[in-house]
Structures are given as C-alpha cells and as structure tokens.
Amino acid sequence: MNAYHIEYVYLVNDIEYRSESVARGYKTERVDELLGKFPRGASVTVHYDAKHPDIAILEPSRWLSRRQIVALVVLLLAPLIFSVRTKKRRNPYLKQT
C-alpha cells in the first residue's frame, strides 16, 4: 500500500500557516491525479477561510457539501409543506349563508 503525504505552507498577513487538506471527499483513484496537480516544490493557489486563515484547502469542492444539499432540499420543500392546507370541513349543523 502506498502512502502519500501532501503538506503546504502559505502566508496570510505575513503569518505562516501549514496544512495538509487537499480536497474534500476525494477518492483513492484520484490520488495520482491530485499528486500530478500539486508536484513537490510547486507554487499553488491555496483557498482559505478569510475569518479563519488556518482553515485551507488546495482544491475546493465542485460538488455541494452535505450542509448545502440539506439547505437546498429544505428551501425547495418549504413552499410545498406550507402550501398544504387542510380542507375546511363543512359543518352540516351550521346554516350556510
């Protein structure tokens, strides 16, 4: 079994950070592809959270995260849920006007 280790150093406001996060949810089959994209000693673009610069990744996800999928489903289903109205039952004992 091969072991791969990718580590990178980046600066934000003259503060040095280190990370090993390459891509979210990448599969073992893609390791060679990722290693080809990020060869040893190469300059790469680091995507980091501006509020938390210690959180970084080299290849941001192209797919929606689980949290984004849940939010999307809720937003799509919310109108359906709230539009369901119970039918008003007519009371046969009340006089219709």
N, C-alpha and C. Protein backbone atom coordinates (compact mmCIF):
# COMPACT_ATOMS: atom_id res chain seq x y z
N MET A 1 0.85 -1.18 0.00
CA MET A 1 0.00 0.00 0.00
C MET A 1 0.89 1.24 0.00
N ASN A 2 0.61 2.16 -0.89
CA ASN A 2 1.39 3.39 -0.98
C ASN A 2 0.84 4.42 -0.01
N ALA A 3 1.73 5.18 0.59
CA ALA A 3 1.32 6.26 1.48
C ALA A 3 1.72 7.58 0.83
N TYR A 4 0.80 8.50 0.80
CA TYR A 4 1.06 9.80 0.21
C TYR A 4 0.89 10.85 1.30
N HIS A 5 1.73 11.87 1.21
CA HIS A 5 1.63 12.96 2.17
C HIS A 5 1.82 14.26 1.42
N ILE A 6 0.83 15.10 1.46
CA ILE A 6 0.91 16.41 0.84
C ILE A 6 0.78 17.44 1.95
N GLU A 7 1.77 18.29 2.05
CA GLU A 7 1.73 19.37 3.04
C GLU A 7 2.14 20.64 2.33
N TYR A 8 1.52 21.75 2.69
CA TYR A 8 1.88 23.01 2.06
C TYR A 8 1.91 24.11 3.10
N VAL A 9 2.66 25.14 2.77
CA VAL A 9 2.84 26.31 3.64
C VAL A 9 2.31 27.52 2.87
N TYR A 10 1.59 28.39 3.56
CA TYR A 10 1.07 29.58 2.92
C TYR A 10 1.09 30.74 3.90
N LEU A 11 1.13 31.96 3.37
CA LEU A 11 1.16 33.17 4.20
C LEU A 11 -0.13 33.94 4.07
N VAL A 12 -0.64 34.40 5.19
CA VAL A 12 -1.80 35.30 5.22
C VAL A 12 -1.43 36.42 6.19
N ASN A 13 -1.38 37.64 5.68
CA ASN A 13 -0.99 38.80 6.51
C ASN A 13 0.33 38.55 7.22
N ASP A 14 1.30 38.04 6.47
CA ASP A 14 2.65 37.76 6.97
C ASP A 14 2.71 36.72 8.09
N ILE A 15 1.66 35.93 8.25
CA ILE A 15 1.64 34.83 9.22
C ILE A 15 1.70 33.53 8.42
N GLU A 16 2.62 32.65 8.80
CA GLU A 16 2.79 31.39 8.10
C GLU A 16 1.86 30.32 8.66
N TYR A 17 1.18 29.64 7.75
CA TYR A 17 0.28 28.54 8.12
C TYR A 17 0.71 27.29 7.37
N ARG A 18 0.42 26.14 7.94
CA ARG A 18 0.68 24.85 7.30
C ARG A 18 -0.62 24.07 7.26
N SER A 19 -0.80 23.31 6.20
CA SER A 19 -2.00 22.48 6.10
C SER A 19 -1.69 21.24 5.29
N GLU A 20 -2.55 20.25 5.45
CA GLU A 20 -2.47 19.01 4.67
C GLU A 20 -3.77 18.74 3.92
N SER A 21 -4.74 19.63 4.04
CA SER A 21 -6.04 19.44 3.39
C SER A 21 -5.89 19.73 1.90
N VAL A 22 -6.16 18.72 1.10
CA VAL A 22 -6.01 18.88 -0.34
C VAL A 22 -7.36 19.10 -1.00
N ALA A 23 -8.27 18.14 -0.80
CA ALA A 23 -9.59 18.23 -1.40
C ALA A 23 -10.57 17.47 -0.53
N ARG A 24 -11.80 17.96 -0.48
CA ARG A 24 -12.83 17.28 0.31
C ARG A 24 -13.35 16.07 -0.43
N GLY A 25 -13.41 14.96 0.26
CA GLY A 25 -14.06 13.78 -0.27
C GLY A 25 -13.42 13.18 -1.50
N TYR A 26 -12.11 13.35 -1.69
CA TYR A 26 -11.50 12.75 -2.87
C TYR A 26 -11.33 11.25 -2.67
N LYS A 27 -11.43 10.53 -3.76
CA LYS A 27 -11.35 9.07 -3.71
C LYS A 27 -9.91 8.63 -4.00
N THR A 28 -9.59 7.45 -3.54
CA THR A 28 -8.25 6.90 -3.70
C THR A 28 -7.82 6.90 -5.17
N GLU A 29 -8.76 6.65 -6.08
CA GLU A 29 -8.42 6.61 -7.50
C GLU A 29 -7.89 7.95 -7.98
N ARG A 30 -8.25 9.02 -7.31
CA ARG A 30 -7.85 10.35 -7.75
C ARG A 30 -6.52 10.81 -7.17
N VAL A 31 -5.90 9.99 -6.31
CA VAL A 31 -4.66 10.41 -5.66
C VAL A 31 -3.59 10.76 -6.69
N ASP A 32 -3.41 9.91 -7.71
CA ASP A 32 -2.39 10.19 -8.73
C ASP A 32 -2.70 11.50 -9.46
N GLU A 33 -3.97 11.73 -9.73
CA GLU A 33 -4.37 12.98 -10.38
C GLU A 33 -4.01 14.18 -9.50
N LEU A 34 -4.32 14.07 -8.20
CA LEU A 34 -4.02 15.17 -7.28
C LEU A 34 -2.52 15.38 -7.14
N LEU A 35 -1.76 14.29 -7.06
CA LEU A 35 -0.30 14.42 -6.96
C LEU A 35 0.27 15.08 -8.22
N GLY A 36 -0.33 14.79 -9.37
CA GLY A 36 0.11 15.43 -10.61
C GLY A 36 -0.18 16.92 -10.63
N LYS A 37 -1.28 17.33 -10.00
CA LYS A 37 -1.64 18.74 -9.94
C LYS A 37 -0.76 19.52 -8.98
N PHE A 38 -0.29 18.84 -7.95
CA PHE A 38 0.46 19.52 -6.89
C PHE A 38 1.83 18.88 -6.69
N PRO A 39 2.74 19.03 -7.68
CA PRO A 39 4.06 18.42 -7.55
C PRO A 39 4.90 19.09 -6.46
N ARG A 40 5.82 18.36 -5.91
CA ARG A 40 6.69 18.85 -4.84
C ARG A 40 7.38 20.15 -5.26
N GLY A 41 7.32 21.14 -4.40
CA GLY A 41 8.01 22.41 -4.63
C GLY A 41 7.27 23.39 -5.52
N ALA A 42 6.12 23.01 -6.06
CA ALA A 42 5.39 23.89 -6.97
C ALA A 42 4.65 24.98 -6.20
N SER A 43 4.47 26.11 -6.84
CA SER A 43 3.62 27.16 -6.28
C SER A 43 2.18 26.81 -6.62
N VAL A 44 1.31 26.86 -5.63
CA VAL A 44 -0.10 26.51 -5.84
C VAL A 44 -0.99 27.58 -5.23
N THR A 45 -2.23 27.60 -5.67
CA THR A 45 -3.21 28.50 -5.09
C THR A 45 -3.84 27.81 -3.89
N VAL A 46 -3.84 28.50 -2.77
CA VAL A 46 -4.44 27.97 -1.54
C VAL A 46 -5.74 28.73 -1.29
N HIS A 47 -6.82 27.99 -1.12
CA HIS A 47 -8.12 28.58 -0.81
C HIS A 47 -8.29 28.49 0.70
N TYR A 48 -8.46 29.65 1.37
CA TYR A 48 -8.58 29.63 2.82
C TYR A 48 -9.75 30.49 3.26
N ASP A 49 -10.20 30.23 4.47
CA ASP A 49 -11.31 30.98 5.07
C ASP A 49 -10.75 32.30 5.59
N ALA A 50 -11.26 33.41 5.09
CA ALA A 50 -10.75 34.73 5.48
C ALA A 50 -10.89 34.99 6.98
N LYS A 51 -11.94 34.46 7.58
CA LYS A 51 -12.13 34.65 9.02
C LYS A 51 -11.27 33.70 9.84
N HIS A 52 -10.93 32.57 9.26
CA HIS A 52 -10.11 31.54 9.94
C HIS A 52 -9.04 31.08 8.95
N PRO A 53 -7.99 31.88 8.77
CA PRO A 53 -7.00 31.54 7.75
C PRO A 53 -6.27 30.22 7.98
N ASP A 54 -6.40 29.64 9.16
CA ASP A 54 -5.78 28.34 9.40
C ASP A 54 -6.56 27.21 8.75
N ILE A 55 -7.76 27.50 8.25
CA ILE A 55 -8.57 26.51 7.54
C ILE A 55 -8.38 26.75 6.04
N ALA A 56 -7.76 25.77 5.39
CA ALA A 56 -7.43 25.94 3.97
C ALA A 56 -7.58 24.62 3.23
N ILE A 57 -7.63 24.75 1.91
CA ILE A 57 -7.73 23.57 1.05
C ILE A 57 -7.14 23.96 -0.31
N LEU A 58 -6.57 23.00 -0.99
CA LEU A 58 -5.98 23.28 -2.30
C LEU A 58 -7.01 23.21 -3.41
N GLU A 59 -7.89 22.23 -3.34
CA GLU A 59 -8.88 22.05 -4.40
C GLU A 59 -10.27 22.12 -3.79
N PRO A 60 -10.92 23.28 -3.92
CA PRO A 60 -12.27 23.38 -3.34
C PRO A 60 -13.23 22.44 -4.03
N SER A 61 -14.22 22.03 -3.31
CA SER A 61 -15.19 21.07 -3.83
C SER A 61 -16.00 21.66 -4.97
N ARG A 62 -16.17 20.86 -6.00
CA ARG A 62 -17.02 21.28 -7.11
C ARG A 62 -18.47 20.87 -6.87
N TRP A 63 -18.66 19.96 -5.96
CA TRP A 63 -19.98 19.47 -5.62
C TRP A 63 -20.47 20.16 -4.37
N LEU A 64 -21.74 20.15 -4.16
CA LEU A 64 -22.30 20.77 -2.97
C LEU A 64 -21.95 19.95 -1.73
N SER A 65 -21.72 20.64 -0.64
CA SER A 65 -21.46 19.94 0.62
C SER A 65 -22.78 19.40 1.16
N ARG A 66 -22.70 18.51 2.12
CA ARG A 66 -23.93 17.96 2.72
C ARG A 66 -24.80 19.06 3.30
N ARG A 67 -24.18 20.01 3.95
CA ARG A 67 -24.93 21.12 4.56
C ARG A 67 -25.66 21.92 3.49
N GLN A 68 -25.00 22.16 2.36
CA GLN A 68 -25.63 22.90 1.27
C GLN A 68 -26.77 22.10 0.65
N ILE A 69 -26.61 20.79 0.53
CA ILE A 69 -27.66 19.94 -0.02
C ILE A 69 -28.89 19.96 0.88
N VAL A 70 -28.68 19.83 2.18
CA VAL A 70 -29.80 19.87 3.13
C VAL A 70 -30.51 21.21 3.04
N ALA A 71 -29.77 22.30 3.00
CA ALA A 71 -30.38 23.62 2.90
C ALA A 71 -31.19 23.76 1.61
N LEU A 72 -30.65 23.25 0.52
CA LEU A 72 -31.35 23.31 -0.76
C LEU A 72 -32.64 22.51 -0.73
N VAL A 73 -32.60 21.31 -0.17
CA VAL A 73 -33.80 20.48 -0.07
C VAL A 73 -34.85 21.17 0.78
N VAL A 74 -34.44 21.74 1.91
CA VAL A 74 -35.38 22.44 2.79
C VAL A 74 -36.00 23.63 2.05
N LEU A 75 -35.18 24.39 1.34
CA LEU A 75 -35.70 25.54 0.60
C LEU A 75 -36.67 25.13 -0.51
N LEU A 76 -36.39 23.99 -1.14
CA LEU A 76 -37.28 23.54 -2.20
C LEU A 76 -38.57 22.94 -1.66
N LEU A 77 -38.47 22.28 -0.51
CA LEU A 77 -39.66 21.63 0.05
C LEU A 77 -40.51 22.56 0.91
N ALA A 78 -39.93 23.63 1.43
CA ALA A 78 -40.66 24.53 2.31
C ALA A 78 -41.95 25.06 1.69
N PRO A 79 -41.94 25.55 0.46
CA PRO A 79 -43.20 26.03 -0.12
C PRO A 79 -44.26 24.93 -0.22
N LEU A 80 -43.82 23.71 -0.52
CA LEU A 80 -44.79 22.62 -0.61
C LEU A 80 -45.40 22.30 0.76
N ILE A 81 -44.55 22.29 1.76
CA ILE A 81 -45.03 21.98 3.11
C ILE A 81 -46.00 23.04 3.60
N PHE A 82 -45.65 24.31 3.39
CA PHE A 82 -46.50 25.38 3.89
C PHE A 82 -47.73 25.62 3.02
N SER A 83 -47.72 25.13 1.79
CA SER A 83 -48.89 25.34 0.93
C SER A 83 -49.96 24.28 1.14
N VAL A 84 -49.60 23.21 1.83
CA VAL A 84 -50.59 22.18 2.11
C VAL A 84 -51.56 22.73 3.13
N ARG A 85 -52.79 22.79 2.75
CA ARG A 85 -53.81 23.34 3.64
C ARG A 85 -54.86 22.28 3.89
N THR A 86 -55.29 22.27 5.08
CA THR A 86 -56.36 21.33 5.37
C THR A 86 -57.66 21.88 4.80
N LYS A 87 -58.43 20.98 4.28
CA LYS A 87 -59.71 21.40 3.72
C LYS A 87 -60.66 21.76 4.86
N LYS A 88 -61.32 22.84 4.64
CA LYS A 88 -62.30 23.23 5.65
C LYS A 88 -63.50 22.31 5.53
N ARG A 89 -63.80 21.68 6.61
CA ARG A 89 -64.96 20.80 6.61
C ARG A 89 -66.21 21.61 6.90
N ARG A 90 -67.19 21.31 6.14
CA ARG A 90 -68.45 22.00 6.38
C ARG A 90 -69.21 21.30 7.49
N ASN A 91 -69.66 22.09 8.38
CA ASN A 91 -70.44 21.56 9.49
C ASN A 91 -71.90 21.49 9.04
N PRO A 92 -72.45 20.30 8.97
CA PRO A 92 -73.84 20.19 8.47
C PRO A 92 -74.86 20.85 9.39
N TYR A 93 -74.49 21.18 10.60
CA TYR A 93 -75.42 21.76 11.56
C TYR A 93 -75.41 23.28 11.51
N LEU A 94 -74.43 23.87 10.81
CA LEU A 94 -74.39 25.31 10.70
C LEU A 94 -75.18 25.73 9.46
N LYS A 95 -75.86 26.82 9.60
CA LYS A 95 -76.65 27.34 8.50
C LYS A 95 -75.70 28.05 7.52
N GLN A 96 -75.79 27.69 6.26
CA GLN A 96 -74.98 28.31 5.24
C GLN A 96 -75.58 29.65 4.86
N THR A 97 -74.75 30.66 4.70
CA THR A 97 -75.26 31.96 4.28
C THR A 97 -74.69 32.39 2.98
